[in-house]
Amino acid sequence: MLVIDDCVSGCLIYNGAVQTCTPGQAVEFDFTGPVIYEVIRYINGRGLFKDDHWLRLQNSACGQGLELPLACNVFDQWVETLLAQSGRQNCNVKLLVCPGQYVIYLSKTFYPAPEVYETGVATASIFVERPDPNAKVRRESYIETIASFRKERDVFEALLLNRDGFYTEGSRSNLFFVKRGEACVYTAPSSMILEGVMRRHLLEVCKQLNVPVIQKAVSKDELPFVEAAFLTGTSIKVLPIAQIDGVEYASSAHSLVQKLIKGFDAYVGLA
């Protein structure tokens, strides 16, 4: 059984048909087997890095032994329908797939206000490892654990630590660090994480801006040597971290972080 409660429009697409719904009200679907998903940000009606998201969806399906029940061009047509009926051009579109079934809808979003990028966000560390970090699979127990943790700690994001005490990623984002005195960024290698589409393109921005990237996980014991950190994700782009476990970091004012924020905005045409 699949339950979604983050639809923000009055309709969704279920197995090739338009279905009415009430925004914010839970809807149940008889999904069985693994559920894979993607969330694509649409800006002025254009899917940001949509082809990359679709490729990752195909890879997730392959890893779970699934065959996608719809083609990319069909997905595009249904998105056009949803955008037209909702009157929205700037939103997130979520696609969930299980064997022989799919649902597409406009999902709840959080696009940080400009002042959030100026202050940064609070985070906290949690010892959690994804069973298969390279596949975007929906797991209810993981969702519930992270949601409860974030609420209890009153933080924007949970930073995942593996059993050896190394940071891998955020619960819904990718994670980068800047160490004191170093003009480069650190991020866990792709083999340890769910490689985000925004992360992949930020690495390209780093290359264009001649910012070295060291793909090596940072341990919790190394935090005293960290002077800045930031997250990347579909809705947040490049978002500075202000706190990790209550310790403050001046990430939003860091020259390298600012350089990457501005460079990424220019890269996606948002500058």
C-alpha atoms as a PDB file:
ATOM      1  CA  MET A   1       0.000   0.000   0.000  1.00  0.00           C
ATOM      2  CA  LEU A   2       1.284   3.446  -0.954  1.00  0.00           C
ATOM      3  CA  VAL A   3      -0.001   6.534   0.838  1.00  0.00           C
ATOM      4  CA  ILE A   4       0.805  10.036  -0.400  1.00  0.00           C
ATOM      5  CA  ASP A   5      -0.190  13.174   1.488  1.00  0.00           C
ATOM      6  CA  ASP A   6       1.955  15.832  -0.157  1.00  0.00           C
ATOM      7  CA  CYS A   7      -0.024  16.506  -3.346  1.00  0.00           C
ATOM      8  CA  VAL A   8      -0.632  20.246  -3.741  1.00  0.00           C
ATOM      9  CA  SER A   9      -3.019  20.304  -6.698  1.00  0.00           C
ATOM     10  CA  GLY A  10      -6.553  19.058  -7.312  1.00  0.00           C
ATOM     11  CA  CYS A  11      -5.600  16.171  -9.540  1.00  0.00           C
ATOM     12  CA  LEU A  12      -2.936  13.554 -10.185  1.00  0.00           C
ATOM     13  CA  ILE A  13      -2.181  10.923 -12.807  1.00  0.00           C
ATOM     14  CA  TYR A  14      -2.677   7.297 -11.818  1.00  0.00           C
ATOM     15  CA  ASN A  15      -1.821   4.587 -14.350  1.00  0.00           C
ATOM     16  CA  GLY A  16      -2.554   6.788 -17.353  1.00  0.00           C
ATOM     17  CA  ALA A  17      -5.732   8.482 -16.117  1.00  0.00           C
ATOM     18  CA  VAL A  18      -6.489  11.801 -14.455  1.00  0.00           C
ATOM     19  CA  GLN A  19      -7.780  11.351 -10.902  1.00  0.00           C
ATOM     20  CA  THR A  20      -9.181  14.156  -8.760  1.00  0.00           C
ATOM     21  CA  CYS A  21      -7.892  14.623  -5.230  1.00  0.00           C
ATOM     22  CA  THR A  22      -7.897  17.137  -2.384  1.00  0.00           C
ATOM     23  CA  PRO A  23      -4.611  18.996  -1.811  1.00  0.00           C
ATOM     24  CA  GLY A  24      -2.905  17.799   1.377  1.00  0.00           C
ATOM     25  CA  GLN A  25      -5.350  14.936   1.902  1.00  0.00           C
ATOM     26  CA  ALA A  26      -3.936  11.396   2.022  1.00  0.00           C
ATOM     27  CA  VAL A  27      -4.565   9.189  -1.008  1.00  0.00           C
ATOM     28  CA  GLU A  28      -3.997   5.418  -0.982  1.00  0.00           C
ATOM     29  CA  PHE A  29      -2.820   3.249  -3.856  1.00  0.00           C
ATOM     30  CA  ASP A  30      -2.574  -0.523  -3.998  1.00  0.00           C
ATOM     31  CA  PHE A  31       1.148  -0.583  -4.754  1.00  0.00           C
ATOM     32  CA  THR A  32       3.034  -3.811  -4.114  1.00  0.00           C
ATOM     33  CA  GLY A  33       6.737  -4.498  -4.383  1.00  0.00           C
ATOM     34  CA  PRO A  34       9.542  -1.928  -4.369  1.00  0.00           C
ATOM     35  CA  VAL A  35       8.569   1.680  -5.073  1.00  0.00           C
ATOM     36  CA  ILE A  36      11.124   3.870  -6.840  1.00  0.00           C
ATOM     37  CA  TYR A  37      10.665   7.583  -7.389  1.00  0.00           C
ATOM     38  CA  GLU A  38      12.027  10.845  -8.743  1.00  0.00           C
ATOM     39  CA  VAL A  39      11.280  14.472  -7.938  1.00  0.00           C
ATOM     40  CA  ILE A  40      11.909  16.977 -10.729  1.00  0.00           C
ATOM     41  CA  ARG A  41      11.880  20.724 -10.270  1.00  0.00           C
ATOM     42  CA  TYR A  42      10.022  22.657 -12.967  1.00  0.00           C
ATOM     43  CA  ILE A  43      10.975  26.286 -13.627  1.00  0.00           C
ATOM     44  CA  ASN A  44       8.742  28.214 -16.025  1.00  0.00           C
ATOM     45  CA  GLY A  45       7.314  24.907 -17.184  1.00  0.00           C
ATOM     46  CA  ARG A  46      10.712  23.373 -17.955  1.00  0.00           C
ATOM     47  CA  GLY A  47      11.988  20.322 -16.116  1.00  0.00           C
ATOM     48  CA  LEU A  48      15.379  21.175 -14.607  1.00  0.00           C
ATOM     49  CA  PHE A  49      17.856  18.439 -15.629  1.00  0.00           C
ATOM     50  CA  LYS A  50      14.892  16.207 -16.459  1.00  0.00           C
ATOM     51  CA  ASP A  51      16.929  13.855 -18.637  1.00  0.00           C
ATOM     52  CA  ASP A  52      19.323  13.217 -15.753  1.00  0.00           C
ATOM     53  CA  HIS A  53      16.408  12.420 -13.445  1.00  0.00           C
ATOM     54  CA  TRP A  54      14.941  10.038 -16.007  1.00  0.00           C
ATOM     55  CA  LEU A  55      18.267   8.243 -16.406  1.00  0.00           C
ATOM     56  CA  ARG A  56      18.525   7.826 -12.646  1.00  0.00           C
ATOM     57  CA  LEU A  57      14.965   6.479 -12.573  1.00  0.00           C
ATOM     58  CA  GLN A  58      15.909   3.904 -15.214  1.00  0.00           C
ATOM     59  CA  ASN A  59      18.983   2.924 -13.213  1.00  0.00           C
ATOM     60  CA  SER A  60      16.908   2.580 -10.029  1.00  0.00           C
ATOM     61  CA  ALA A  61      14.402   0.420 -11.927  1.00  0.00           C
ATOM     62  CA  CYS A  62      17.163  -1.780 -13.275  1.00  0.00           C
ATOM     63  CA  GLY A  63      18.634  -2.191  -9.802  1.00  0.00           C
ATOM     64  CA  GLN A  64      15.258  -3.282  -8.414  1.00  0.00           C
ATOM     65  CA  GLY A  65      14.429  -5.568 -11.339  1.00  0.00           C
ATOM     66  CA  LEU A  66      11.574  -3.332 -12.521  1.00  0.00           C
ATOM     67  CA  GLU A  67      10.406  -2.368 -15.976  1.00  0.00           C
ATOM     68  CA  LEU A  68       9.159   1.202 -16.216  1.00  0.00           C
ATOM     69  CA  PRO A  69       5.418   1.201 -17.038  1.00  0.00           C
ATOM     70  CA  LEU A  70       5.609   4.465 -19.010  1.00  0.00           C
ATOM     71  CA  ALA A  71       7.963   6.102 -21.486  1.00  0.00           C
ATOM     72  CA  CYS A  72       9.586   9.487 -20.973  1.00  0.00           C
ATOM     73  CA  ASN A  73       7.471  11.163 -23.662  1.00  0.00           C
ATOM     74  CA  VAL A  74       4.303   9.907 -21.968  1.00  0.00           C
ATOM     75  CA  PHE A  75       5.531  11.325 -18.672  1.00  0.00           C
ATOM     76  CA  ASP A  76       6.102  14.678 -20.418  1.00  0.00           C
ATOM     77  CA  GLN A  77       2.552  14.704 -21.740  1.00  0.00           C
ATOM     78  CA  TRP A  78       1.068  14.015 -18.318  1.00  0.00           C
ATOM     79  CA  VAL A  79       3.198  16.725 -16.722  1.00  0.00           C
ATOM     80  CA  GLU A  80       1.885  19.211 -19.287  1.00  0.00           C
ATOM     81  CA  THR A  81      -1.643  18.181 -18.272  1.00  0.00           C
ATOM     82  CA  LEU A  82      -0.929  18.649 -14.564  1.00  0.00           C
ATOM     83  CA  LEU A  83       0.735  22.026 -15.064  1.00  0.00           C
ATOM     84  CA  ALA A  84      -2.129  23.242 -17.262  1.00  0.00           C
ATOM     85  CA  GLN A  85      -4.859  22.115 -14.870  1.00  0.00           C
ATOM     86  CA  SER A  86      -3.095  23.499 -11.808  1.00  0.00           C
ATOM     87  CA  GLY A  87      -2.041  26.782 -13.424  1.00  0.00           C
ATOM     88  CA  ARG A  88       1.470  26.267 -12.049  1.00  0.00           C
ATOM     89  CA  GLN A  89       4.728  26.616 -13.944  1.00  0.00           C
ATOM     90  CA  ASN A  90       7.124  26.566 -10.992  1.00  0.00           C
ATOM     91  CA  CYS A  91       6.768  23.454  -8.868  1.00  0.00           C
ATOM     92  CA  ASN A  92       8.087  19.992  -8.108  1.00  0.00           C
ATOM     93  CA  VAL A  93       6.706  16.966  -9.961  1.00  0.00           C
ATOM     94  CA  LYS A  94       6.966  13.580  -8.269  1.00  0.00           C
ATOM     95  CA  LEU A  95       6.782  10.236 -10.077  1.00  0.00           C
ATOM     96  CA  LEU A  96       6.435   7.003  -8.112  1.00  0.00           C
ATOM     97  CA  VAL A  97       6.677   3.618  -9.803  1.00  0.00           C
ATOM     98  CA  CYS A  98       6.134   0.025  -8.707  1.00  0.00           C
ATOM     99  CA  PRO A  99       5.697  -3.108 -10.859  1.00  0.00           C
ATOM    100  CA  GLY A 100       3.075  -2.227 -13.502  1.00  0.00           C
ATOM    101  CA  GLN A 101       1.845   0.954 -11.808  1.00  0.00           C
ATOM    102  CA  TYR A 102       2.712   4.625 -11.484  1.00  0.00           C
ATOM    103  CA  VAL A 103       1.450   7.896 -10.069  1.00  0.00           C
ATOM    104  CA  ILE A 104       2.479  11.440 -11.062  1.00  0.00           C
ATOM    105  CA  TYR A 105       1.588  14.556  -9.085  1.00  0.00           C
ATOM    106  CA  LEU A 106       2.702  18.016  -8.027  1.00  0.00           C
ATOM    107  CA  SER A 107       4.322  17.575  -4.639  1.00  0.00           C
ATOM    108  CA  LYS A 108       4.777  19.843  -1.647  1.00  0.00           C
ATOM    109  CA  THR A 109       7.907  21.958  -1.935  1.00  0.00           C
ATOM    110  CA  PHE A 110      10.179  24.114   0.140  1.00  0.00           C
ATOM    111  CA  TYR A 111      12.053  26.679  -1.899  1.00  0.00           C
ATOM    112  CA  PRO A 112      14.182  28.596   0.634  1.00  0.00           C
ATOM    113  CA  ALA A 113      13.658  32.354   0.744  1.00  0.00           C
ATOM    114  CA  PRO A 114      16.693  34.531  -0.048  1.00  0.00           C
ATOM    115  CA  GLU A 115      17.254  35.217   3.648  1.00  0.00           C
ATOM    116  CA  VAL A 116      17.663  31.473   4.336  1.00  0.00           C
ATOM    117  CA  TYR A 117      20.684  31.426   2.032  1.00  0.00           C
ATOM    118  CA  GLU A 118      22.035  34.382   4.007  1.00  0.00           C
ATOM    119  CA  THR A 119      21.675  32.652   7.383  1.00  0.00           C
ATOM    120  CA  GLY A 120      21.992  28.961   6.527  1.00  0.00           C
ATOM    121  CA  VAL A 121      20.104  26.042   8.065  1.00  0.00           C
ATOM    122  CA  ALA A 122      20.460  23.894  11.166  1.00  0.00           C
ATOM    123  CA  THR A 123      21.343  20.199  10.838  1.00  0.00           C
ATOM    124  CA  ALA A 124      22.016  17.265  13.149  1.00  0.00           C
ATOM    125  CA  SER A 125      23.878  13.969  12.785  1.00  0.00           C
ATOM    126  CA  ILE A 126      22.205  10.561  12.829  1.00  0.00           C
ATOM    127  CA  PHE A 127      23.648   7.070  12.433  1.00  0.00           C
ATOM    128  CA  VAL A 128      21.647   5.774   9.461  1.00  0.00           C
ATOM    129  CA  GLU A 129      22.760   3.901   6.341  1.00  0.00           C
ATOM    130  CA  ARG A 130      20.661   3.381   3.225  1.00  0.00           C
ATOM    131  CA  PRO A 131      20.376  -0.351   2.330  1.00  0.00           C
ATOM    132  CA  ASP A 132      21.048   0.490  -1.319  1.00  0.00           C
ATOM    133  CA  PRO A 133      22.383   4.063  -1.547  1.00  0.00           C
ATOM    134  CA  ASN A 134      22.563   4.057  -5.349  1.00  0.00           C
ATOM    135  CA  ALA A 135      18.831   3.410  -5.890  1.00  0.00           C
ATOM    136  CA  LYS A 136      16.094   5.951  -5.148  1.00  0.00           C
ATOM    137  CA  VAL A 137      13.693   3.574  -3.383  1.00  0.00           C
ATOM    138  CA  ARG A 138      10.861   4.734  -1.135  1.00  0.00           C
ATOM    139  CA  ARG A 139      11.117   3.136   2.326  1.00  0.00           C
ATOM    140  CA  GLU A 140       8.437   4.046   4.851  1.00  0.00           C
ATOM    141  CA  SER A 141      10.520   3.118   7.922  1.00  0.00           C
ATOM    142  CA  TYR A 142      13.339   5.388   6.755  1.00  0.00           C
ATOM    143  CA  ILE A 143      10.934   8.250   6.041  1.00  0.00           C
ATOM    144  CA  GLU A 144       9.337   7.949   9.481  1.00  0.00           C
ATOM    145  CA  THR A 145      12.664   7.691  11.315  1.00  0.00           C
ATOM    146  CA  ILE A 146      14.102  10.768   9.624  1.00  0.00           C
ATOM    147  CA  ALA A 147      10.903  12.822   9.975  1.00  0.00           C
ATOM    148  CA  SER A 148      10.739  12.062  13.705  1.00  0.00           C
ATOM    149  CA  PHE A 149      14.438  12.875  14.168  1.00  0.00           C
ATOM    150  CA  ARG A 150      14.221  16.206  12.358  1.00  0.00           C
ATOM    151  CA  LYS A 151      11.137  17.199  14.349  1.00  0.00           C
ATOM    152  CA  GLU A 152      12.698  16.247  17.692  1.00  0.00           C
ATOM    153  CA  ARG A 153      15.933  18.117  16.946  1.00  0.00           C
ATOM    154  CA  ASP A 154      14.139  21.020  15.225  1.00  0.00           C
ATOM    155  CA  VAL A 155      16.525  20.934  12.261  1.00  0.00           C
ATOM    156  CA  PHE A 156      16.157  21.369   8.532  1.00  0.00           C
ATOM    157  CA  GLU A 157      18.150  18.272   7.615  1.00  0.00           C
ATOM    158  CA  ALA A 158      19.549  15.073   9.105  1.00  0.00           C
ATOM    159  CA  LEU A 159      23.154  14.301   8.157  1.00  0.00           C
ATOM    160  CA  LEU A 160      23.705  10.569   7.747  1.00  0.00           C
ATOM    161  CA  LEU A 161      26.646   8.880   9.437  1.00  0.00           C
ATOM    162  CA  ASN A 162      27.709   5.352   8.520  1.00  0.00           C
ATOM    163  CA  ARG A 163      28.771   2.733  11.046  1.00  0.00           C
ATOM    164  CA  ASP A 164      32.381   3.958  10.855  1.00  0.00           C
ATOM    165  CA  GLY A 165      31.412   7.527  11.741  1.00  0.00           C
ATOM    166  CA  PHE A 166      31.778   9.046   8.282  1.00  0.00           C
ATOM    167  CA  TYR A 167      29.260  11.485   6.824  1.00  0.00           C
ATOM    168  CA  THR A 168      27.722  10.202   3.600  1.00  0.00           C
ATOM    169  CA  GLU A 169      24.861  12.567   2.693  1.00  0.00           C
ATOM    170  CA  GLY A 170      21.773  14.341   3.942  1.00  0.00           C
ATOM    171  CA  SER A 171      18.524  12.420   4.317  1.00  0.00           C
ATOM    172  CA  ARG A 172      17.122  14.218   1.248  1.00  0.00           C
ATOM    173  CA  SER A 173      20.203  16.042  -0.054  1.00  0.00           C
ATOM    174  CA  ASN A 174      23.898  15.678  -0.802  1.00  0.00           C
ATOM    175  CA  LEU A 175      26.531  17.031   1.540  1.00  0.00           C
ATOM    176  CA  PHE A 176      29.740  19.047   1.039  1.00  0.00           C
ATOM    177  CA  PHE A 177      32.409  20.317   3.446  1.00  0.00           C
ATOM    178  CA  VAL A 178      35.144  22.942   3.292  1.00  0.00           C
ATOM    179  CA  LYS A 179      38.079  22.401   5.633  1.00  0.00           C
ATOM    180  CA  ARG A 180      39.965  25.211   7.303  1.00  0.00           C
ATOM    181  CA  GLY A 181      42.673  26.683   5.100  1.00  0.00           C
ATOM    182  CA  GLU A 182      41.783  24.596   2.040  1.00  0.00           C
ATOM    183  CA  ALA A 183      40.398  26.038  -1.204  1.00  0.00           C
ATOM    184  CA  CYS A 184      38.540  22.853  -2.160  1.00  0.00           C
ATOM    185  CA  VAL A 185      35.378  20.963  -1.235  1.00  0.00           C
ATOM    186  CA  TYR A 186      34.967  17.473   0.192  1.00  0.00           C
ATOM    187  CA  THR A 187      32.070  15.142  -0.576  1.00  0.00           C
ATOM    188  CA  ALA A 188      31.569  11.406  -0.089  1.00  0.00           C
ATOM    189  CA  PRO A 189      32.289   9.287  -3.180  1.00  0.00           C
ATOM    190  CA  SER A 190      29.411   8.260  -5.432  1.00  0.00           C
ATOM    191  CA  SER A 191      29.660   4.630  -4.291  1.00  0.00           C
ATOM    192  CA  MET A 192      28.573   5.634  -0.760  1.00  0.00           C
ATOM    193  CA  ILE A 193      25.585   7.829  -1.599  1.00  0.00           C
ATOM    194  CA  LEU A 194      22.431   8.363  -3.593  1.00  0.00           C
ATOM    195  CA  GLU A 195      24.051  10.595  -6.171  1.00  0.00           C
ATOM    196  CA  GLY A 196      21.839  13.637  -6.563  1.00  0.00           C
ATOM    197  CA  VAL A 197      21.245  15.250  -9.925  1.00  0.00           C
ATOM    198  CA  MET A 198      22.048  18.672  -8.462  1.00  0.00           C
ATOM    199  CA  ARG A 199      25.253  17.252  -6.962  1.00  0.00           C
ATOM    200  CA  ARG A 200      26.355  15.962 -10.340  1.00  0.00           C
ATOM    201  CA  HIS A 201      25.855  19.362 -11.929  1.00  0.00           C
ATOM    202  CA  LEU A 202      27.505  21.174  -9.028  1.00  0.00           C
ATOM    203  CA  LEU A 203      30.606  19.056  -9.677  1.00  0.00           C
ATOM    204  CA  GLU A 204      30.527  20.405 -13.230  1.00  0.00           C
ATOM    205  CA  VAL A 205      30.243  23.956 -11.869  1.00  0.00           C
ATOM    206  CA  CYS A 206      33.239  23.286  -9.618  1.00  0.00           C
ATOM    207  CA  LYS A 207      35.167  22.169 -12.684  1.00  0.00           C
ATOM    208  CA  GLN A 208      34.197  25.310 -14.593  1.00  0.00           C
ATOM    209  CA  LEU A 209      35.175  27.533 -11.654  1.00  0.00           C
ATOM    210  CA  ASN A 210      38.446  25.652 -11.035  1.00  0.00           C
ATOM    211  CA  VAL A 211      37.363  24.565  -7.553  1.00  0.00           C
ATOM    212  CA  PRO A 212      39.002  21.221  -6.684  1.00  0.00           C
ATOM    213  CA  VAL A 213      36.692  18.474  -5.427  1.00  0.00           C
ATOM    214  CA  ILE A 214      37.965  15.692  -3.170  1.00  0.00           C
ATOM    215  CA  GLN A 215      35.556  12.751  -3.221  1.00  0.00           C
ATOM    216  CA  LYS A 216      36.355  11.474   0.226  1.00  0.00           C
ATOM    217  CA  ALA A 217      33.981  11.103   3.177  1.00  0.00           C
ATOM    218  CA  VAL A 218      34.577  13.389   6.158  1.00  0.00           C
ATOM    219  CA  SER A 219      34.328  11.814   9.610  1.00  0.00           C
ATOM    220  CA  LYS A 220      32.547  13.280  12.605  1.00  0.00           C
ATOM    221  CA  ASP A 221      35.939  13.507  14.329  1.00  0.00           C
ATOM    222  CA  GLU A 222      37.089  15.882  11.574  1.00  0.00           C
ATOM    223  CA  LEU A 223      34.387  18.482  12.235  1.00  0.00           C
ATOM    224  CA  PRO A 224      36.732  20.695  14.308  1.00  0.00           C
ATOM    225  CA  PHE A 225      38.722  21.186  11.097  1.00  0.00           C
ATOM    226  CA  VAL A 226      35.636  22.128   9.041  1.00  0.00           C
ATOM    227  CA  GLU A 227      34.906  25.811   8.531  1.00  0.00           C
ATOM    228  CA  ALA A 228      31.915  25.584   6.170  1.00  0.00           C
ATOM    229  CA  ALA A 229      29.418  23.069   4.844  1.00  0.00           C
ATOM    230  CA  PHE A 230      26.492  23.058   2.464  1.00  0.00           C
ATOM    231  CA  LEU A 231      23.764  20.904   0.953  1.00  0.00           C
ATOM    232  CA  THR A 232      22.582  20.379  -2.603  1.00  0.00           C
ATOM    233  CA  GLY A 233      19.153  19.196  -3.678  1.00  0.00           C
ATOM    234  CA  THR A 234      16.288  19.545  -6.128  1.00  0.00           C
ATOM    235  CA  SER A 235      14.443  22.295  -4.252  1.00  0.00           C
ATOM    236  CA  ILE A 236      17.320  23.916  -2.382  1.00  0.00           C
ATOM    237  CA  LYS A 237      20.033  24.137  -5.092  1.00  0.00           C
ATOM    238  CA  VAL A 238      23.136  25.036  -3.000  1.00  0.00           C
ATOM    239  CA  LEU A 239      22.170  25.758   0.610  1.00  0.00           C
ATOM    240  CA  PRO A 240      24.664  26.756   3.365  1.00  0.00           C
ATOM    241  CA  ILE A 241      24.690  24.945   6.699  1.00  0.00           C
ATOM    242  CA  ALA A 242      24.644  27.182   9.772  1.00  0.00           C
ATOM    243  CA  GLN A 243      24.760  24.474  12.456  1.00  0.00           C
ATOM    244  CA  ILE A 244      25.759  20.843  12.847  1.00  0.00           C
ATOM    245  CA  ASP A 245      24.704  19.360  16.190  1.00  0.00           C
ATOM    246  CA  GLY A 246      24.470  22.836  17.685  1.00  0.00           C
ATOM    247  CA  VAL A 247      27.951  23.932  16.583  1.00  0.00           C
ATOM    248  CA  GLU A 248      27.819  27.049  14.428  1.00  0.00           C
ATOM    249  CA  TYR A 249      29.485  27.483  11.031  1.00  0.00           C
ATOM    250  CA  ALA A 250      29.714  30.713   9.052  1.00  0.00           C
ATOM    251  CA  SER A 251      29.023  28.853   5.824  1.00  0.00           C
ATOM    252  CA  SER A 252      26.749  31.457   4.262  1.00  0.00           C
ATOM    253  CA  ALA A 253      29.496  34.082   4.486  1.00  0.00           C
ATOM    254  CA  HIS A 254      32.265  31.785   3.275  1.00  0.00           C
ATOM    255  CA  SER A 255      33.788  33.044   0.025  1.00  0.00           C
ATOM    256  CA  LEU A 256      34.022  29.598  -1.576  1.00  0.00           C
ATOM    257  CA  VAL A 257      30.433  28.697  -0.697  1.00  0.00           C
ATOM    258  CA  GLN A 258      29.227  32.033  -2.066  1.00  0.00           C
ATOM    259  CA  LYS A 259      31.213  31.461  -5.239  1.00  0.00           C
ATOM    260  CA  LEU A 260      29.490  28.110  -5.756  1.00  0.00           C
ATOM    261  CA  ILE A 261      26.011  29.450  -4.973  1.00  0.00           C
ATOM    262  CA  LYS A 262      26.382  32.222  -7.543  1.00  0.00           C
ATOM    263  CA  GLY A 263      28.074  29.918 -10.044  1.00  0.00           C
ATOM    264  CA  PHE A 264      25.340  27.317  -9.773  1.00  0.00           C
ATOM    265  CA  ASP A 265      22.557  29.889 -10.151  1.00  0.00           C
ATOM    266  CA  ALA A 266      24.242  31.166 -13.295  1.00  0.00           C
ATOM    267  CA  TYR A 267      24.671  27.589 -14.521  1.00  0.00           C
ATOM    268  CA  VAL A 268      20.931  26.868 -14.299  1.00  0.00           C
ATOM    269  CA  GLY A 269      19.929  30.281 -15.584  1.00  0.00           C
ATOM    270  CA  LEU A 270      18.582  31.633 -12.307  1.00  0.00           C
ATOM    271  CA  ALA A 271      21.125  34.394 -11.720  1.00  0.00           C
END
